[in-house]
């Protein structure tokens, strides 16, 4: 693949595995600093300047797509595998009808 530092594409690449991250992860990495600054300013404004929110209220958690987050396609396939496993287990537990011997 060549030198990853000389690449000019907008894709986010994992150096060790050479995997290309999902576009939502790349976009999160690009804008996460600005989002954090805006949230910090809102925190200060609400709690220190305007005092509309208690200082002890919890801060809202961000749910960004990051590297360790599973990709949606992989999560769906594991769900499908689990459903298939449950169906096969269900068929094992169904009562068996014995035919009368002649």
PDB file of N, CA and C in Angstrom:
ATOM      1  N   UNK A   1       0.806  -1.196   0.000  1.00  0.00           N
ATOM      2  CA  UNK A   1       0.000   0.000   0.000  1.00  0.00           C
ATOM      3  C   UNK A   1       0.848   1.257   0.000  1.00  0.00           C
ATOM      4  N   UNK A   2       2.110   1.161   0.211  1.00  0.00           N
ATOM      5  CA  UNK A   2       2.966   2.338   0.176  1.00  0.00           C
ATOM      6  C   UNK A   2       3.019   3.043   1.519  1.00  0.00           C
ATOM      7  N   UNK A   3       3.512   4.268   1.493  1.00  0.00           N
ATOM      8  CA  UNK A   3       3.662   5.064   2.704  1.00  0.00           C
ATOM      9  C   UNK A   3       2.323   5.713   3.058  1.00  0.00           C
ATOM     10  N   UNK A   4       1.724   5.362   4.211  1.00  0.00           N
ATOM     11  CA  UNK A   4       0.409   5.925   4.550  1.00  0.00           C
ATOM     12  C   UNK A   4       0.458   7.416   4.853  1.00  0.00           C
ATOM     13  N   UNK A   5       1.625   7.954   5.183  1.00  0.00           N
ATOM     14  CA  UNK A   5       1.739   9.373   5.500  1.00  0.00           C
ATOM     15  C   UNK A   5       1.767  10.250   4.257  1.00  0.00           C
ATOM     16  N   UNK A   6       1.985   9.631   3.113  1.00  0.00           N
ATOM     17  CA  UNK A   6       1.989  10.383   1.861  1.00  0.00           C
ATOM     18  C   UNK A   6       0.633  10.352   1.172  1.00  0.00           C
ATOM     19  N   UNK A   7      -0.331   9.637   1.740  1.00  0.00           N
ATOM     20  CA  UNK A   7      -1.666   9.542   1.159  1.00  0.00           C
ATOM     21  C   UNK A   7      -2.371  10.886   1.216  1.00  0.00           C
ATOM     22  N   UNK A   8      -3.116  11.218   0.214  1.00  0.00           N
ATOM     23  CA  UNK A   8      -3.847  12.476   0.162  1.00  0.00           C
ATOM     24  C   UNK A   8      -5.353  12.270   0.253  1.00  0.00           C
ATOM     25  N   UNK A   9      -5.804  11.033   0.468  1.00  0.00           N
ATOM     26  CA  UNK A   9      -7.240  10.775   0.542  1.00  0.00           C
ATOM     27  C   UNK A   9      -7.789  11.195   1.903  1.00  0.00           C
ATOM     28  N   UNK A  10      -9.099  11.287   1.998  1.00  0.00           N
ATOM     29  CA  UNK A  10      -9.757  11.673   3.238  1.00  0.00           C
ATOM     30  C   UNK A  10     -10.140  10.460   4.074  1.00  0.00           C
ATOM     31  N   UNK A  11      -9.734   9.269   3.654  1.00  0.00           N
ATOM     32  CA  UNK A  11     -10.031   8.054   4.411  1.00  0.00           C
ATOM     33  C   UNK A  11      -9.150   7.976   5.649  1.00  0.00           C
ATOM     34  N   UNK A  12      -9.700   7.399   6.707  1.00  0.00           N
ATOM     35  CA  UNK A  12      -8.960   7.195   7.938  1.00  0.00           C
ATOM     36  C   UNK A  12      -8.468   5.756   7.942  1.00  0.00           C
ATOM     37  N   UNK A  13      -7.164   5.569   8.048  1.00  0.00           N
ATOM     38  CA  UNK A  13      -6.547   4.263   7.889  1.00  0.00           C
ATOM     39  C   UNK A  13      -5.897   3.831   9.193  1.00  0.00           C
ATOM     40  N   UNK A  14      -6.134   2.579   9.616  1.00  0.00           N
ATOM     41  CA  UNK A  14      -5.452   2.003  10.765  1.00  0.00           C
ATOM     42  C   UNK A  14      -4.109   1.492  10.272  1.00  0.00           C
ATOM     43  N   UNK A  15      -3.019   2.012  10.824  1.00  0.00           N
ATOM     44  CA  UNK A  15      -1.694   1.714  10.290  1.00  0.00           C
ATOM     45  C   UNK A  15      -1.318   0.248  10.425  1.00  0.00           C
ATOM     46  N   UNK A  16      -1.604  -0.346  11.575  1.00  0.00           N
ATOM     47  CA  UNK A  16      -1.166  -1.713  11.809  1.00  0.00           C
ATOM     48  C   UNK A  16      -1.904  -2.710  10.926  1.00  0.00           C
ATOM     49  N   UNK A  17      -3.210  -2.580  10.815  1.00  0.00           N
ATOM     50  CA  UNK A  17      -3.997  -3.562  10.076  1.00  0.00           C
ATOM     51  C   UNK A  17      -4.336  -3.137   8.661  1.00  0.00           C
ATOM     52  N   UNK A  18      -4.079  -1.874   8.320  1.00  0.00           N
ATOM     53  CA  UNK A  18      -4.377  -1.307   7.002  1.00  0.00           C
ATOM     54  C   UNK A  18      -5.879  -1.295   6.708  1.00  0.00           C
ATOM     55  N   UNK A  19      -6.705  -1.291   7.755  1.00  0.00           N
ATOM     56  CA  UNK A  19      -8.151  -1.207   7.581  1.00  0.00           C
ATOM     57  C   UNK A  19      -8.547   0.250   7.398  1.00  0.00           C
ATOM     58  N   UNK A  20      -9.526   0.479   6.550  1.00  0.00           N
ATOM     59  CA  UNK A  20     -10.068   1.823   6.357  1.00  0.00           C
ATOM     60  C   UNK A  20     -11.310   1.932   7.217  1.00  0.00           C
ATOM     61  N   UNK A  21     -11.334   2.967   8.056  1.00  0.00           N
ATOM     62  CA  UNK A  21     -12.451   3.171   8.965  1.00  0.00           C
ATOM     63  C   UNK A  21     -13.683   3.651   8.208  1.00  0.00           C
ATOM     64  N   UNK A  22     -14.814   3.463   8.831  1.00  0.00           N
ATOM     65  CA  UNK A  22     -16.077   3.927   8.279  1.00  0.00           C
ATOM     66  C   UNK A  22     -16.046   5.451   8.149  1.00  0.00           C
ATOM     67  N   UNK A  23     -16.794   6.000   7.223  1.00  0.00           N
ATOM     68  CA  UNK A  23     -16.775   7.446   7.000  1.00  0.00           C
ATOM     69  C   UNK A  23     -17.292   8.217   8.213  1.00  0.00           C
ATOM     70  N   UNK A  24     -18.211   7.628   8.992  1.00  0.00           N
ATOM     71  CA  UNK A  24     -18.711   8.315  10.186  1.00  0.00           C
ATOM     72  C   UNK A  24     -17.614   8.453  11.239  1.00  0.00           C
ATOM     73  N   UNK A  25     -16.729   7.482  11.344  1.00  0.00           N
ATOM     74  CA  UNK A  25     -15.611   7.557  12.284  1.00  0.00           C
ATOM     75  C   UNK A  25     -14.635   8.637  11.847  1.00  0.00           C
ATOM     76  N   UNK A  26     -14.345   8.696  10.557  1.00  0.00           N
ATOM     77  CA  UNK A  26     -13.428   9.712  10.050  1.00  0.00           C
ATOM     78  C   UNK A  26     -13.988  11.110  10.275  1.00  0.00           C
ATOM     79  N   UNK A  27     -15.272  11.284  10.065  1.00  0.00           N
ATOM     80  CA  UNK A  27     -15.900  12.589  10.277  1.00  0.00           C
ATOM     81  C   UNK A  27     -15.881  12.963  11.760  1.00  0.00           C
ATOM     82  N   UNK A  28     -16.087  11.996  12.645  1.00  0.00           N
ATOM     83  CA  UNK A  28     -16.040  12.249  14.092  1.00  0.00           C
ATOM     84  C   UNK A  28     -14.654  12.724  14.504  1.00  0.00           C
ATOM     85  N   UNK A  29     -13.616  12.087  13.978  1.00  0.00           N
ATOM     86  CA  UNK A  29     -12.246  12.481  14.317  1.00  0.00           C
ATOM     87  C   UNK A  29     -11.967  13.902  13.843  1.00  0.00           C
ATOM     88  N   UNK A  30     -12.522  14.270  12.695  1.00  0.00           N
ATOM     89  CA  UNK A  30     -12.289  15.613  12.165  1.00  0.00           C
ATOM     90  C   UNK A  30     -12.959  16.706  13.001  1.00  0.00           C
ATOM     91  N   UNK A  31     -14.151  16.444  13.546  1.00  0.00           N
ATOM     92  CA  UNK A  31     -14.919  17.510  14.198  1.00  0.00           C
ATOM     93  C   UNK A  31     -14.998  17.397  15.714  1.00  0.00           C
ATOM     94  N   UNK A  32     -14.392  16.393  16.313  1.00  0.00           N
ATOM     95  CA  UNK A  32     -14.581  16.140  17.741  1.00  0.00           C
ATOM     96  C   UNK A  32     -14.016  17.272  18.610  1.00  0.00           C
ATOM     97  N   UNK A  33     -12.943  17.894  18.199  1.00  0.00           N
ATOM     98  CA  UNK A  33     -12.357  18.979  18.988  1.00  0.00           C
ATOM     99  C   UNK A  33     -13.296  20.188  19.041  1.00  0.00           C
ATOM    100  N   UNK A  34     -13.877  20.544  17.903  1.00  0.00           N
ATOM    101  CA  UNK A  34     -14.804  21.671  17.875  1.00  0.00           C
ATOM    102  C   UNK A  34     -16.054  21.388  18.701  1.00  0.00           C
ATOM    103  N   UNK A  35     -16.547  20.149  18.635  1.00  0.00           N
ATOM    104  CA  UNK A  35     -17.719  19.769  19.434  1.00  0.00           C
ATOM    105  C   UNK A  35     -17.407  19.874  20.913  1.00  0.00           C
ATOM    106  N   UNK A  36     -16.233  19.416  21.316  1.00  0.00           N
ATOM    107  CA  UNK A  36     -15.828  19.495  22.721  1.00  0.00           C
ATOM    108  C   UNK A  36     -15.713  20.927  23.210  1.00  0.00           C
ATOM    109  N   UNK A  37     -15.151  21.802  22.382  1.00  0.00           N
ATOM    110  CA  UNK A  37     -15.041  23.222  22.766  1.00  0.00           C
ATOM    111  C   UNK A  37     -16.418  23.854  22.930  1.00  0.00           C
ATOM    112  N   UNK A  38     -17.330  23.547  22.006  1.00  0.00           N
ATOM    113  CA  UNK A  38     -18.680  24.105  22.086  1.00  0.00           C
ATOM    114  C   UNK A  38     -19.406  23.594  23.327  1.00  0.00           C
ATOM    115  N   UNK A  39     -19.248  22.319  23.647  1.00  0.00           N
ATOM    116  CA  UNK A  39     -19.888  21.766  24.843  1.00  0.00           C
ATOM    117  C   UNK A  39     -19.294  22.360  26.112  1.00  0.00           C
ATOM    118  N   UNK A  40     -18.009  22.606  26.125  1.00  0.00           N
ATOM    119  CA  UNK A  40     -17.369  23.212  27.290  1.00  0.00           C
ATOM    120  C   UNK A  40     -17.873  24.632  27.506  1.00  0.00           C
ATOM    121  N   UNK A  41     -17.989  25.404  26.413  1.00  0.00           N
ATOM    122  CA  UNK A  41     -18.494  26.770  26.528  1.00  0.00           C
ATOM    123  C   UNK A  41     -19.944  26.778  27.011  1.00  0.00           C
ATOM    124  N   UNK A  42     -20.753  25.841  26.518  1.00  0.00           N
ATOM    125  CA  UNK A  42     -22.142  25.737  26.966  1.00  0.00           C
ATOM    126  C   UNK A  42     -22.191  25.354  28.443  1.00  0.00           C
ATOM    127  N   UNK A  43     -21.295  24.471  28.875  1.00  0.00           N
ATOM    128  CA  UNK A  43     -21.218  24.070  30.278  1.00  0.00           C
ATOM    129  C   UNK A  43     -20.923  25.282  31.162  1.00  0.00           C
ATOM    130  N   UNK A  44     -19.928  26.063  30.779  1.00  0.00           N
ATOM    131  CA  UNK A  44     -19.569  27.245  31.564  1.00  0.00           C
ATOM    132  C   UNK A  44     -20.705  28.266  31.584  1.00  0.00           C
ATOM    133  N   UNK A  45     -21.322  28.478  30.442  1.00  0.00           N
ATOM    134  CA  UNK A  45     -22.402  29.463  30.360  1.00  0.00           C
ATOM    135  C   UNK A  45     -23.584  29.066  31.230  1.00  0.00           C
ATOM    136  N   UNK A  46     -24.004  27.797  31.142  1.00  0.00           N
ATOM    137  CA  UNK A  46     -25.168  27.334  31.894  1.00  0.00           C
ATOM    138  C   UNK A  46     -24.914  27.287  33.394  1.00  0.00           C
ATOM    139  N   UNK A  47     -23.729  26.883  33.807  1.00  0.00           N
ATOM    140  CA  UNK A  47     -23.486  26.625  35.219  1.00  0.00           C
ATOM    141  C   UNK A  47     -22.818  27.787  35.952  1.00  0.00           C
ATOM    142  N   UNK A  48     -21.994  28.564  35.277  1.00  0.00           N
ATOM    143  CA  UNK A  48     -21.247  29.627  35.950  1.00  0.00           C
ATOM    144  C   UNK A  48     -21.815  31.018  35.706  1.00  0.00           C
ATOM    145  N   UNK A  49     -22.109  31.307  34.445  1.00  0.00           N
ATOM    146  CA  UNK A  49     -22.545  32.665  34.131  1.00  0.00           C
ATOM    147  C   UNK A  49     -24.045  32.862  34.365  1.00  0.00           C
ATOM    148  N   UNK A  50     -24.874  32.044  33.715  1.00  0.00           N
ATOM    149  CA  UNK A  50     -26.327  32.204  33.835  1.00  0.00           C
ATOM    150  C   UNK A  50     -26.899  31.509  35.070  1.00  0.00           C
ATOM    151  N   UNK A  51     -26.223  30.477  35.525  1.00  0.00           N
ATOM    152  CA  UNK A  51     -26.650  29.672  36.679  1.00  0.00           C
ATOM    153  C   UNK A  51     -28.060  29.117  36.496  1.00  0.00           C
ATOM    154  N   UNK A  52     -28.335  28.626  35.289  1.00  0.00           N
ATOM    155  CA  UNK A  52     -29.629  28.010  35.001  1.00  0.00           C
ATOM    156  C   UNK A  52     -29.626  26.522  35.313  1.00  0.00           C
ATOM    157  N   UNK A  53     -28.464  25.940  35.404  1.00  0.00           N
ATOM    158  CA  UNK A  53     -28.314  24.519  35.682  1.00  0.00           C
ATOM    159  C   UNK A  53     -27.412  24.366  36.897  1.00  0.00           C
ATOM    160  N   UNK A  54     -27.751  23.392  37.732  1.00  0.00           N
ATOM    161  CA  UNK A  54     -26.933  23.148  38.910  1.00  0.00           C
ATOM    162  C   UNK A  54     -25.539  22.672  38.499  1.00  0.00           C
ATOM    163  N   UNK A  55     -24.579  23.041  39.271  1.00  0.00           N
ATOM    164  CA  UNK A  55     -23.197  22.645  38.999  1.00  0.00           C
ATOM    165  C   UNK A  55     -23.025  21.141  39.159  1.00  0.00           C
ATOM    166  N   UNK A  56     -23.898  20.507  39.924  1.00  0.00           N
ATOM    167  CA  UNK A  56     -23.766  19.083  40.221  1.00  0.00           C
ATOM    168  C   UNK A  56     -24.606  18.199  39.299  1.00  0.00           C
ATOM    169  N   UNK A  57     -25.338  18.804  38.363  1.00  0.00           N
ATOM    170  CA  UNK A  57     -26.085  18.002  37.397  1.00  0.00           C
ATOM    171  C   UNK A  57     -25.105  17.246  36.508  1.00  0.00           C
ATOM    172  N   UNK A  58     -25.442  16.011  36.143  1.00  0.00           N
ATOM    173  CA  UNK A  58     -24.526  15.244  35.296  1.00  0.00           C
ATOM    174  C   UNK A  58     -24.409  15.837  33.892  1.00  0.00           C
ATOM    175  N   UNK A  59     -23.270  15.630  33.297  1.00  0.00           N
ATOM    176  CA  UNK A  59     -23.015  16.098  31.938  1.00  0.00           C
ATOM    177  C   UNK A  59     -23.493  15.005  30.982  1.00  0.00           C
ATOM    178  N   UNK A  60     -24.151  15.418  29.910  1.00  0.00           N
ATOM    179  CA  UNK A  60     -24.675  14.476  28.925  1.00  0.00           C
ATOM    180  C   UNK A  60     -23.526  13.729  28.246  1.00  0.00           C
ATOM    181  N   UNK A  61     -23.698  12.423  28.105  1.00  0.00           N
ATOM    182  CA  UNK A  61     -22.673  11.595  27.479  1.00  0.00           C
ATOM    183  C   UNK A  61     -22.778  11.680  25.959  1.00  0.00           C
ATOM    184  N   UNK A  62     -21.640  11.762  25.303  1.00  0.00           N
ATOM    185  CA  UNK A  62     -21.597  11.763  23.839  1.00  0.00           C
ATOM    186  C   UNK A  62     -21.525  10.328  23.342  1.00  0.00           C
ATOM    187  N   UNK A  63     -22.196  10.062  22.244  1.00  0.00           N
ATOM    188  CA  UNK A  63     -22.157   8.728  21.641  1.00  0.00           C
ATOM    189  C   UNK A  63     -21.629   8.871  20.221  1.00  0.00           C
ATOM    190  N   UNK A  64     -20.325   9.004  20.117  1.00  0.00           N
ATOM    191  CA  UNK A  64     -19.685   9.154  18.819  1.00  0.00           C
ATOM    192  C   UNK A  64     -19.281   7.794  18.265  1.00  0.00           C
ATOM    193  N   UNK A  65     -19.243   7.676  16.952  1.00  0.00           N
ATOM    194  CA  UNK A  65     -18.707   6.478  16.310  1.00  0.00           C
ATOM    195  C   UNK A  65     -17.193   6.559  16.395  1.00  0.00           C
ATOM    196  N   UNK A  66     -16.598   5.623  17.106  1.00  0.00           N
ATOM    197  CA  UNK A  66     -15.152   5.622  17.260  1.00  0.00           C
ATOM    198  C   UNK A  66     -14.581   4.286  16.829  1.00  0.00           C
ATOM    199  N   UNK A  67     -13.292   4.136  17.008  1.00  0.00           N
ATOM    200  CA  UNK A  67     -12.582   2.951  16.519  1.00  0.00           C
ATOM    201  C   UNK A  67     -13.077   1.668  17.158  1.00  0.00           C
ATOM    202  N   UNK A  68     -13.340   1.688  18.458  1.00  0.00           N
ATOM    203  CA  UNK A  68     -13.721   0.456  19.145  1.00  0.00           C
ATOM    204  C   UNK A  68     -15.197   0.140  18.994  1.00  0.00           C
ATOM    205  N   UNK A  69     -15.989   1.053  18.437  1.00  0.00           N
ATOM    206  CA  UNK A  69     -17.414   0.809  18.246  1.00  0.00           C
ATOM    207  C   UNK A  69     -17.600  -0.205  17.135  1.00  0.00           C
ATOM    208  N   UNK A  70     -18.509  -1.174  17.339  1.00  0.00           N
ATOM    209  CA  UNK A  70     -18.745  -2.128  16.254  1.00  0.00           C
ATOM    210  C   UNK A  70     -19.445  -1.445  15.091  1.00  0.00           C
ATOM    211  N   UNK A  71     -19.131  -1.887  13.903  1.00  0.00           N
ATOM    212  CA  UNK A  71     -19.794  -1.362  12.721  1.00  0.00           C
ATOM    213  C   UNK A  71     -21.220  -1.893  12.699  1.00  0.00           C
ATOM    214  N   UNK A  72     -22.174  -1.118  12.237  1.00  0.00           N
ATOM    215  CA  UNK A  72     -23.568  -1.564  12.228  1.00  0.00           C
ATOM    216  C   UNK A  72     -23.784  -2.851  11.447  1.00  0.00           C
ATOM    217  N   UNK A  73     -23.055  -3.051  10.354  1.00  0.00           N
ATOM    218  CA  UNK A  73     -23.246  -4.270   9.562  1.00  0.00           C
ATOM    219  C   UNK A  73     -22.810  -5.503  10.341  1.00  0.00           C
ATOM    220  N   UNK A  74     -21.740  -5.385  11.128  1.00  0.00           N
ATOM    221  CA  UNK A  74     -21.289  -6.522  11.919  1.00  0.00           C
ATOM    222  C   UNK A  74     -22.262  -6.831  13.037  1.00  0.00           C
ATOM    223  N   UNK A  75     -22.849  -5.826  13.639  1.00  0.00           N
ATOM    224  CA  UNK A  75     -23.804  -6.041  14.723  1.00  0.00           C
ATOM    225  C   UNK A  75     -25.040  -6.754  14.200  1.00  0.00           C
ATOM    226  N   UNK A  76     -25.495  -6.387  13.000  1.00  0.00           N
ATOM    227  CA  UNK A  76     -26.669  -7.023  12.441  1.00  0.00           C
ATOM    228  C   UNK A  76     -26.396  -8.485  12.127  1.00  0.00           C
ATOM    229  N   UNK A  77     -25.213  -8.792  11.615  1.00  0.00           N
ATOM    230  CA  UNK A  77     -24.917 -10.170  11.269  1.00  0.00           C
ATOM    231  C   UNK A  77     -24.816 -11.032  12.520  1.00  0.00           C
ATOM    232  N   UNK A  78     -24.299 -10.478  13.621  1.00  0.00           N
ATOM    233  CA  UNK A  78     -24.231 -11.262  14.854  1.00  0.00           C
ATOM    234  C   UNK A  78     -25.627 -11.477  15.410  1.00  0.00           C
ATOM    235  N   UNK A  79     -26.522 -10.505  15.239  1.00  0.00           N
ATOM    236  CA  UNK A  79     -27.911 -10.679  15.658  1.00  0.00           C
ATOM    237  C   UNK A  79     -28.572 -11.786  14.849  1.00  0.00           C
ATOM    238  N   UNK A  80     -28.314 -11.791  13.563  1.00  0.00           N
ATOM    239  CA  UNK A  80     -28.883 -12.831  12.708  1.00  0.00           C
ATOM    240  C   UNK A  80     -28.368 -14.211  13.102  1.00  0.00           C
ATOM    241  N   UNK A  81     -27.073 -14.292  13.444  1.00  0.00           N
ATOM    242  CA  UNK A  81     -26.506 -15.567  13.872  1.00  0.00           C
ATOM    243  C   UNK A  81     -27.140 -16.026  15.176  1.00  0.00           C
ATOM    244  N   UNK A  82     -27.395 -15.104  16.088  1.00  0.00           N
ATOM    245  CA  UNK A  82     -28.001 -15.453  17.362  1.00  0.00           C
ATOM    246  C   UNK A  82     -29.440 -15.931  17.159  1.00  0.00           C
ATOM    247  N   UNK A  83     -30.180 -15.279  16.273  1.00  0.00           N
ATOM    248  CA  UNK A  83     -31.550 -15.697  15.991  1.00  0.00           C
ATOM    249  C   UNK A  83     -31.563 -17.090  15.369  1.00  0.00           C
ATOM    250  N   UNK A  84     -30.652 -17.352  14.452  1.00  0.00           N
ATOM    251  CA  UNK A  84     -30.568 -18.675  13.833  1.00  0.00           C
ATOM    252  C   UNK A  84     -30.239 -19.735  14.877  1.00  0.00           C
ATOM    253  N   UNK A  85     -29.352 -19.395  15.817  1.00  0.00           N
ATOM    254  CA  UNK A  85     -28.998 -20.341  16.878  1.00  0.00           C
ATOM    255  C   UNK A  85     -30.201 -20.615  17.780  1.00  0.00           C
ATOM    256  N   UNK A  86     -30.948 -19.578  18.103  1.00  0.00           N
ATOM    257  CA  UNK A  86     -32.136 -19.762  18.943  1.00  0.00           C
ATOM    258  C   UNK A  86     -33.187 -20.603  18.240  1.00  0.00           C
ATOM    259  N   UNK A  87     -33.353 -20.411  16.941  1.00  0.00           N
ATOM    260  CA  UNK A  87     -34.315 -21.214  16.187  1.00  0.00           C
ATOM    261  C   UNK A  87     -33.915 -22.686  16.170  1.00  0.00           C
ATOM    262  N   UNK A  88     -32.628 -22.944  15.997  1.00  0.00           N
ATOM    263  CA  UNK A  88     -32.194 -24.341  15.983  1.00  0.00           C
ATOM    264  C   UNK A  88     -32.337 -24.971  17.365  1.00  0.00           C
ATOM    265  N   UNK A  89     -32.067 -24.197  18.416  1.00  0.00           N
ATOM    266  CA  UNK A  89     -32.258 -24.722  19.776  1.00  0.00           C
ATOM    267  C   UNK A  89     -33.733 -24.967  20.065  1.00  0.00           C
ATOM    268  N   UNK A  90     -34.588 -24.134  19.517  1.00  0.00           N
ATOM    269  CA  UNK A  90     -36.022 -24.287  19.709  1.00  0.00           C
ATOM    270  C   UNK A  90     -36.499 -25.580  19.062  1.00  0.00           C
ATOM    271  N   UNK A  91     -35.975 -25.892  17.901  1.00  0.00           N
ATOM    272  CA  UNK A  91     -36.382 -27.122  17.227  1.00  0.00           C
ATOM    273  C   UNK A  91     -35.899 -28.354  17.992  1.00  0.00           C
ATOM    274  N   UNK A  92     -34.834 -28.228  18.762  1.00  0.00           N
ATOM    275  CA  UNK A  92     -34.360 -29.345  19.571  1.00  0.00           C
ATOM    276  C   UNK A  92     -35.271 -29.610  20.763  1.00  0.00           C
ATOM    277  N   UNK A  93     -35.945 -28.577  21.227  1.00  0.00           N
ATOM    278  CA  UNK A  93     -36.775 -28.698  22.424  1.00  0.00           C
ATOM    279  C   UNK A  93     -38.235 -28.998  22.131  1.00  0.00           C
ATOM    280  N   UNK A  94     -38.630 -29.099  20.890  1.00  0.00           N
ATOM    281  CA  UNK A  94     -40.015 -29.393  20.586  1.00  0.00           C
ATOM    282  C   UNK A  94     -40.321 -30.843  20.896  1.00  0.00           C
ATOM    283  N   UNK A  95     -41.543 -31.129  21.363  1.00  0.00           N
ATOM    284  CA  UNK A  95     -41.859 -32.517  21.711  1.00  0.00           C
ATOM    285  C   UNK A  95     -41.880 -33.399  20.477  1.00  0.00           C
ATOM    286  N   UNK A  96     -41.458 -34.604  20.670  1.00  0.00           N
ATOM    287  CA  UNK A  96     -41.397 -35.573  19.579  1.00  0.00           C
ATOM    288  C   UNK A  96     -42.609 -36.484  19.699  1.00  0.00           C
ATOM    289  N   UNK A  97     -43.283 -36.707  18.613  1.00  0.00           N
ATOM    290  CA  UNK A  97     -44.433 -37.608  18.599  1.00  0.00           C
ATOM    291  C   UNK A  97     -43.963 -39.003  18.197  1.00  0.00           C
ATOM    292  N   UNK A  98     -44.335 -39.919  18.995  1.00  0.00           N
ATOM    293  CA  UNK A  98     -44.001 -41.310  18.686  1.00  0.00           C
ATOM    294  C   UNK A  98     -45.193 -41.949  18.012  1.00  0.00           C
ATOM    295  N   UNK A  99     -44.945 -42.638  16.972  1.00  0.00           N
ATOM    296  CA  UNK A  99     -46.009 -43.356  16.294  1.00  0.00           C
ATOM    297  C   UNK A  99     -46.227 -44.686  16.998  1.00  0.00           C
ATOM    298  N   UNK A 100     -47.460 -45.090  17.123  1.00  0.00           N
ATOM    299  CA  UNK A 100     -47.700 -46.389  17.775  1.00  0.00           C
ATOM    300  C   UNK A 100     -47.082 -47.517  16.955  1.00  0.00           C
ATOM    301  N   UNK A 101     -46.480 -48.426  17.661  1.00  0.00           N
ATOM    302  CA  UNK A 101     -45.856 -49.551  16.952  1.00  0.00           C
ATOM    303  C   UNK A 101     -46.930 -50.545  16.519  1.00  0.00           C
ATOM    304  N   UNK A 102     -46.716 -51.168  15.381  1.00  0.00           N
ATOM    305  CA  UNK A 102     -47.728 -52.110  14.892  1.00  0.00           C
ATOM    306  C   UNK A 102     -47.420 -53.514  15.274  1.00  0.00           C
TER     307      UNK A 102
END
